Amino acid sequence: MYALLRVWLGTGSGRVAALTGAVALMFNDVFVIHVGNYNIIAAASWLPWALAALHLAWERPAARWRAAAAGALALSVLAGHAQLTLMVWGAVALYALWGVAAAWRAGHAPQRAVAVGQVFAIALLLSAPAWLPALELQGYTARAELSYAQASDFALPWSGLAGLFS
């Protein structure tokens, strides 16, 4: 998180703010409450790296930053926690949409959109060893025979989405 905030805030007076943000992330409930759930921590910890690398891929258009962002996203998949991986990918996708929309006025939106597409395509390819077998085996799980109503009995209610996003 320190690296991400240094990228966003730039050099200069941003060190204290970046350190404060890094400490806040370090002590948030995902990392404190789930201290024994290594796959949750491993999946969540790649979010700042993916965001920083994607931002650098836009600011300094080099293949290495796109590869770094894709690698961070792929490692979140390989960490093995589906829900946190979806949250990481969703957060990066929202940031990517915001970045493309913000670049629209300057005329850089097509370049940013291509970079985002490359990042997600490479991440999908790199993480294929994890999600391809999962797709193949999903029909053999105990949940495969459940109806939608049964499968969603203990799901997050619509009113709980505010808590999920916060």
C-alpha atoms as a PDB file:
ATOM      1  CA  MET A   1       0.000   0.000   0.000  1.00  0.00           C
ATOM      2  CA  TYR A   2       2.929   2.311   0.671  1.00  0.00           C
ATOM      3  CA  ALA A   3       4.142   1.833  -2.916  1.00  0.00           C
ATOM      4  CA  LEU A   4       0.644   2.410  -4.326  1.00  0.00           C
ATOM      5  CA  LEU A   5       0.150   5.623  -2.385  1.00  0.00           C
ATOM      6  CA  ARG A   6       3.610   6.871  -3.338  1.00  0.00           C
ATOM      7  CA  VAL A   7       2.670   6.285  -6.980  1.00  0.00           C
ATOM      8  CA  TRP A   8      -0.658   8.093  -6.559  1.00  0.00           C
ATOM      9  CA  LEU A   9       0.604  10.932  -4.383  1.00  0.00           C
ATOM     10  CA  GLY A  10       3.987  11.366  -6.048  1.00  0.00           C
ATOM     11  CA  THR A  11       7.207  12.291  -4.346  1.00  0.00           C
ATOM     12  CA  GLY A  12       7.565  15.076  -1.858  1.00  0.00           C
ATOM     13  CA  SER A  13       5.159  15.465   1.031  1.00  0.00           C
ATOM     14  CA  GLY A  14       3.344  12.204   0.300  1.00  0.00           C
ATOM     15  CA  ARG A  15       5.582   9.988   2.445  1.00  0.00           C
ATOM     16  CA  VAL A  16       3.696  10.497   5.702  1.00  0.00           C
ATOM     17  CA  ALA A  17       0.350  10.029   3.971  1.00  0.00           C
ATOM     18  CA  ALA A  18       1.606   6.899   2.217  1.00  0.00           C
ATOM     19  CA  LEU A  19       2.954   5.455   5.451  1.00  0.00           C
ATOM     20  CA  THR A  20      -0.325   6.244   7.235  1.00  0.00           C
ATOM     21  CA  GLY A  21      -2.296   4.514   4.486  1.00  0.00           C
ATOM     22  CA  ALA A  22       0.004   1.495   4.579  1.00  0.00           C
ATOM     23  CA  VAL A  23      -0.377   1.145   8.339  1.00  0.00           C
ATOM     24  CA  ALA A  24      -4.168   1.521   8.012  1.00  0.00           C
ATOM     25  CA  LEU A  25      -4.256  -1.274   5.438  1.00  0.00           C
ATOM     26  CA  MET A  26      -1.973  -3.448   7.551  1.00  0.00           C
ATOM     27  CA  PHE A  27      -4.342  -3.211  10.518  1.00  0.00           C
ATOM     28  CA  ASN A  28      -7.671  -3.431   8.661  1.00  0.00           C
ATOM     29  CA  ASP A  29     -10.008  -6.244   9.615  1.00  0.00           C
ATOM     30  CA  VAL A  30      -9.185  -8.452   6.606  1.00  0.00           C
ATOM     31  CA  PHE A  31      -5.581  -8.781   7.743  1.00  0.00           C
ATOM     32  CA  VAL A  32      -6.253  -8.802  11.496  1.00  0.00           C
ATOM     33  CA  ILE A  33      -9.378 -10.955  11.853  1.00  0.00           C
ATOM     34  CA  HIS A  34      -8.367 -13.452   9.190  1.00  0.00           C
ATOM     35  CA  VAL A  35      -4.782 -13.805  10.390  1.00  0.00           C
ATOM     36  CA  GLY A  36      -5.023 -17.608  10.158  1.00  0.00           C
ATOM     37  CA  ASN A  37      -6.679 -17.641   6.729  1.00  0.00           C
ATOM     38  CA  TYR A  38      -3.586 -17.293   4.611  1.00  0.00           C
ATOM     39  CA  ASN A  39      -5.415 -17.547   1.305  1.00  0.00           C
ATOM     40  CA  ILE A  40      -7.628 -14.560   2.197  1.00  0.00           C
ATOM     41  CA  ILE A  41      -4.619 -12.480   3.174  1.00  0.00           C
ATOM     42  CA  ALA A  42      -2.650 -13.614   0.127  1.00  0.00           C
ATOM     43  CA  ALA A  43      -5.462 -12.753  -2.289  1.00  0.00           C
ATOM     44  CA  ALA A  44      -6.180  -9.361  -0.712  1.00  0.00           C
ATOM     45  CA  SER A  45      -2.544  -8.320  -0.474  1.00  0.00           C
ATOM     46  CA  TRP A  46      -2.164  -8.198  -4.262  1.00  0.00           C
ATOM     47  CA  LEU A  47      -4.720  -5.394  -4.684  1.00  0.00           C
ATOM     48  CA  PRO A  48      -2.364  -2.456  -4.017  1.00  0.00           C
ATOM     49  CA  TRP A  49       0.305  -3.969  -6.254  1.00  0.00           C
ATOM     50  CA  ALA A  50      -2.149  -4.457  -9.104  1.00  0.00           C
ATOM     51  CA  LEU A  51      -3.481  -0.904  -8.782  1.00  0.00           C
ATOM     52  CA  ALA A  52       0.009   0.611  -8.622  1.00  0.00           C
ATOM     53  CA  ALA A  53       1.253  -1.356 -11.625  1.00  0.00           C
ATOM     54  CA  LEU A  54      -1.846  -0.495 -13.667  1.00  0.00           C
ATOM     55  CA  HIS A  55      -1.421   3.174 -12.821  1.00  0.00           C
ATOM     56  CA  LEU A  56       2.241   3.023 -13.855  1.00  0.00           C
ATOM     57  CA  ALA A  57       1.250   1.230 -17.065  1.00  0.00           C
ATOM     58  CA  TRP A  58      -0.773   4.329 -17.912  1.00  0.00           C
ATOM     59  CA  GLU A  59       1.785   6.880 -16.767  1.00  0.00           C
ATOM     60  CA  ARG A  60       4.862   5.149 -18.186  1.00  0.00           C
ATOM     61  CA  PRO A  61       3.623   3.016 -21.082  1.00  0.00           C
ATOM     62  CA  ALA A  62       5.980   0.063 -20.877  1.00  0.00           C
ATOM     63  CA  ALA A  63       5.179  -3.608 -21.226  1.00  0.00           C
ATOM     64  CA  ARG A  64       6.787  -4.371 -17.857  1.00  0.00           C
ATOM     65  CA  TRP A  65       4.095  -2.417 -15.968  1.00  0.00           C
ATOM     66  CA  ARG A  66       1.269  -4.156 -17.817  1.00  0.00           C
ATOM     67  CA  ALA A  67       2.975  -7.481 -17.062  1.00  0.00           C
ATOM     68  CA  ALA A  68       3.358  -6.507 -13.398  1.00  0.00           C
ATOM     69  CA  ALA A  69      -0.329  -5.607 -13.102  1.00  0.00           C
ATOM     70  CA  ALA A  70      -1.325  -8.850 -14.811  1.00  0.00           C
ATOM     71  CA  GLY A  71       1.023 -10.805 -12.571  1.00  0.00           C
ATOM     72  CA  ALA A  72      -0.471  -9.281  -9.431  1.00  0.00           C
ATOM     73  CA  LEU A  73      -3.991 -10.113 -10.611  1.00  0.00           C
ATOM     74  CA  ALA A  74      -2.954 -13.657 -11.519  1.00  0.00           C
ATOM     75  CA  LEU A  75      -1.319 -14.166  -8.133  1.00  0.00           C
ATOM     76  CA  SER A  76      -4.533 -13.097  -6.422  1.00  0.00           C
ATOM     77  CA  VAL A  77      -6.261 -15.932  -8.286  1.00  0.00           C
ATOM     78  CA  LEU A  78      -3.517 -18.413  -7.447  1.00  0.00           C
ATOM     79  CA  ALA A  79      -3.832 -17.504  -3.752  1.00  0.00           C
ATOM     80  CA  GLY A  80      -6.939 -19.673  -3.736  1.00  0.00           C
ATOM     81  CA  HIS A  81      -9.746 -17.579  -2.283  1.00  0.00           C
ATOM     82  CA  ALA A  82     -12.498 -16.972  -4.821  1.00  0.00           C
ATOM     83  CA  GLN A  83     -14.430 -14.226  -3.039  1.00  0.00           C
ATOM     84  CA  LEU A  84     -11.401 -12.052  -2.308  1.00  0.00           C
ATOM     85  CA  THR A  85     -10.110 -12.638  -5.812  1.00  0.00           C
ATOM     86  CA  LEU A  86     -13.400 -11.381  -7.233  1.00  0.00           C
ATOM     87  CA  MET A  87     -13.188  -8.329  -4.986  1.00  0.00           C
ATOM     88  CA  VAL A  88      -9.597  -7.630  -6.075  1.00  0.00           C
ATOM     89  CA  TRP A  89     -10.446  -8.031  -9.764  1.00  0.00           C
ATOM     90  CA  GLY A  90     -13.607  -5.958  -9.311  1.00  0.00           C
ATOM     91  CA  ALA A  91     -11.702  -3.137  -7.606  1.00  0.00           C
ATOM     92  CA  VAL A  92      -9.061  -3.120 -10.338  1.00  0.00           C
ATOM     93  CA  ALA A  93     -11.783  -3.190 -13.010  1.00  0.00           C
ATOM     94  CA  LEU A  94     -13.552  -0.193 -11.398  1.00  0.00           C
ATOM     95  CA  TYR A  95     -10.255   1.685 -11.214  1.00  0.00           C
ATOM     96  CA  ALA A  96      -9.594   0.797 -14.847  1.00  0.00           C
ATOM     97  CA  LEU A  97     -13.017   2.093 -15.909  1.00  0.00           C
ATOM     98  CA  TRP A  98     -12.425   5.286 -13.970  1.00  0.00           C
ATOM     99  CA  GLY A  99      -8.979   5.693 -15.534  1.00  0.00           C
ATOM    100  CA  VAL A 100     -10.271   5.193 -19.066  1.00  0.00           C
ATOM    101  CA  ALA A 101     -13.132   7.611 -18.455  1.00  0.00           C
ATOM    102  CA  ALA A 102     -10.763  10.194 -16.950  1.00  0.00           C
ATOM    103  CA  ALA A 103      -8.493   9.961 -19.999  1.00  0.00           C
ATOM    104  CA  TRP A 104     -11.390  10.470 -22.394  1.00  0.00           C
ATOM    105  CA  ARG A 105     -11.022  14.256 -22.498  1.00  0.00           C
ATOM    106  CA  ALA A 106      -7.286  14.111 -23.143  1.00  0.00           C
ATOM    107  CA  GLY A 107      -7.716  11.591 -25.952  1.00  0.00           C
ATOM    108  CA  HIS A 108      -5.735   8.874 -24.162  1.00  0.00           C
ATOM    109  CA  ALA A 109      -8.733   6.621 -23.550  1.00  0.00           C
ATOM    110  CA  PRO A 110      -7.986   4.191 -26.418  1.00  0.00           C
ATOM    111  CA  GLN A 111      -4.416   3.622 -25.206  1.00  0.00           C
ATOM    112  CA  ARG A 112      -5.581   3.093 -21.638  1.00  0.00           C
ATOM    113  CA  ALA A 113      -8.355   0.758 -22.731  1.00  0.00           C
ATOM    114  CA  VAL A 114      -5.874  -1.337 -24.728  1.00  0.00           C
ATOM    115  CA  ALA A 115      -3.543  -1.490 -21.716  1.00  0.00           C
ATOM    116  CA  VAL A 116      -6.428  -2.597 -19.476  1.00  0.00           C
ATOM    117  CA  GLY A 117      -7.477  -5.265 -21.968  1.00  0.00           C
ATOM    118  CA  GLN A 118      -3.923  -6.552 -22.168  1.00  0.00           C
ATOM    119  CA  VAL A 119      -3.590  -6.650 -18.382  1.00  0.00           C
ATOM    120  CA  PHE A 120      -6.775  -8.650 -17.878  1.00  0.00           C
ATOM    121  CA  ALA A 121      -6.074 -10.992 -20.821  1.00  0.00           C
ATOM    122  CA  ILE A 122      -2.563 -11.767 -19.582  1.00  0.00           C
ATOM    123  CA  ALA A 123      -3.853 -12.217 -16.020  1.00  0.00           C
ATOM    124  CA  LEU A 124      -6.479 -14.707 -17.234  1.00  0.00           C
ATOM    125  CA  LEU A 125      -3.836 -16.660 -19.121  1.00  0.00           C
ATOM    126  CA  LEU A 126      -1.394 -16.673 -16.208  1.00  0.00           C
ATOM    127  CA  SER A 127      -4.059 -17.799 -13.761  1.00  0.00           C
ATOM    128  CA  ALA A 128      -5.543 -20.475 -16.042  1.00  0.00           C
ATOM    129  CA  PRO A 129      -3.887 -23.322 -14.059  1.00  0.00           C
ATOM    130  CA  ALA A 130      -6.167 -22.378 -11.151  1.00  0.00           C
ATOM    131  CA  TRP A 131      -9.484 -21.527 -12.774  1.00  0.00           C
ATOM    132  CA  LEU A 132      -9.611 -24.012 -15.669  1.00  0.00           C
ATOM    133  CA  PRO A 133      -9.714 -27.097 -13.394  1.00  0.00           C
ATOM    134  CA  ALA A 134     -12.217 -25.317 -11.147  1.00  0.00           C
ATOM    135  CA  LEU A 135     -14.524 -24.749 -14.105  1.00  0.00           C
ATOM    136  CA  GLU A 136     -14.180 -28.390 -15.097  1.00  0.00           C
ATOM    137  CA  LEU A 137     -14.952 -29.680 -11.612  1.00  0.00           C
ATOM    138  CA  GLN A 138     -17.796 -27.325 -10.687  1.00  0.00           C
ATOM    139  CA  GLY A 139     -20.437 -29.775 -11.950  1.00  0.00           C
ATOM    140  CA  TYR A 140     -19.200 -32.400  -9.495  1.00  0.00           C
ATOM    141  CA  THR A 141     -19.544 -30.365  -6.309  1.00  0.00           C
ATOM    142  CA  ALA A 142     -22.292 -30.824  -3.729  1.00  0.00           C
ATOM    143  CA  ARG A 143     -23.673 -27.429  -4.709  1.00  0.00           C
ATOM    144  CA  ALA A 144     -24.183 -28.391  -8.341  1.00  0.00           C
ATOM    145  CA  GLU A 145     -27.553 -29.977  -7.585  1.00  0.00           C
ATOM    146  CA  LEU A 146     -28.900 -27.025  -5.595  1.00  0.00           C
ATOM    147  CA  SER A 147     -31.489 -24.712  -7.072  1.00  0.00           C
ATOM    148  CA  TYR A 148     -30.721 -21.002  -7.156  1.00  0.00           C
ATOM    149  CA  ALA A 149     -33.018 -20.404  -4.175  1.00  0.00           C
ATOM    150  CA  GLN A 150     -31.230 -23.068  -2.112  1.00  0.00           C
ATOM    151  CA  ALA A 151     -27.781 -21.869  -3.130  1.00  0.00           C
ATOM    152  CA  SER A 152     -28.591 -18.275  -2.217  1.00  0.00           C
ATOM    153  CA  ASP A 153     -30.165 -19.019   1.195  1.00  0.00           C
ATOM    154  CA  PHE A 154     -27.132 -17.734   3.075  1.00  0.00           C
ATOM    155  CA  ALA A 155     -26.001 -15.185   0.513  1.00  0.00           C
ATOM    156  CA  LEU A 156     -25.457 -11.541   1.218  1.00  0.00           C
ATOM    157  CA  PRO A 157     -28.805  -9.708   1.046  1.00  0.00           C
ATOM    158  CA  TRP A 158     -29.146  -6.792  -1.351  1.00  0.00           C
ATOM    159  CA  SER A 159     -29.170  -4.381   1.588  1.00  0.00           C
ATOM    160  CA  GLY A 160     -25.768  -5.747   2.623  1.00  0.00           C
ATOM    161  CA  LEU A 161     -24.068  -4.523  -0.557  1.00  0.00           C
ATOM    162  CA  ALA A 162     -23.315  -1.168   1.072  1.00  0.00           C
ATOM    163  CA  GLY A 163     -21.269  -2.958   3.714  1.00  0.00           C
ATOM    164  CA  LEU A 164     -19.471  -5.013   1.099  1.00  0.00           C
ATOM    165  CA  PHE A 165     -18.383  -1.926  -0.833  1.00  0.00           C
ATOM    166  CA  SER A 166     -17.400   0.016   2.258  1.00  0.00           C
END
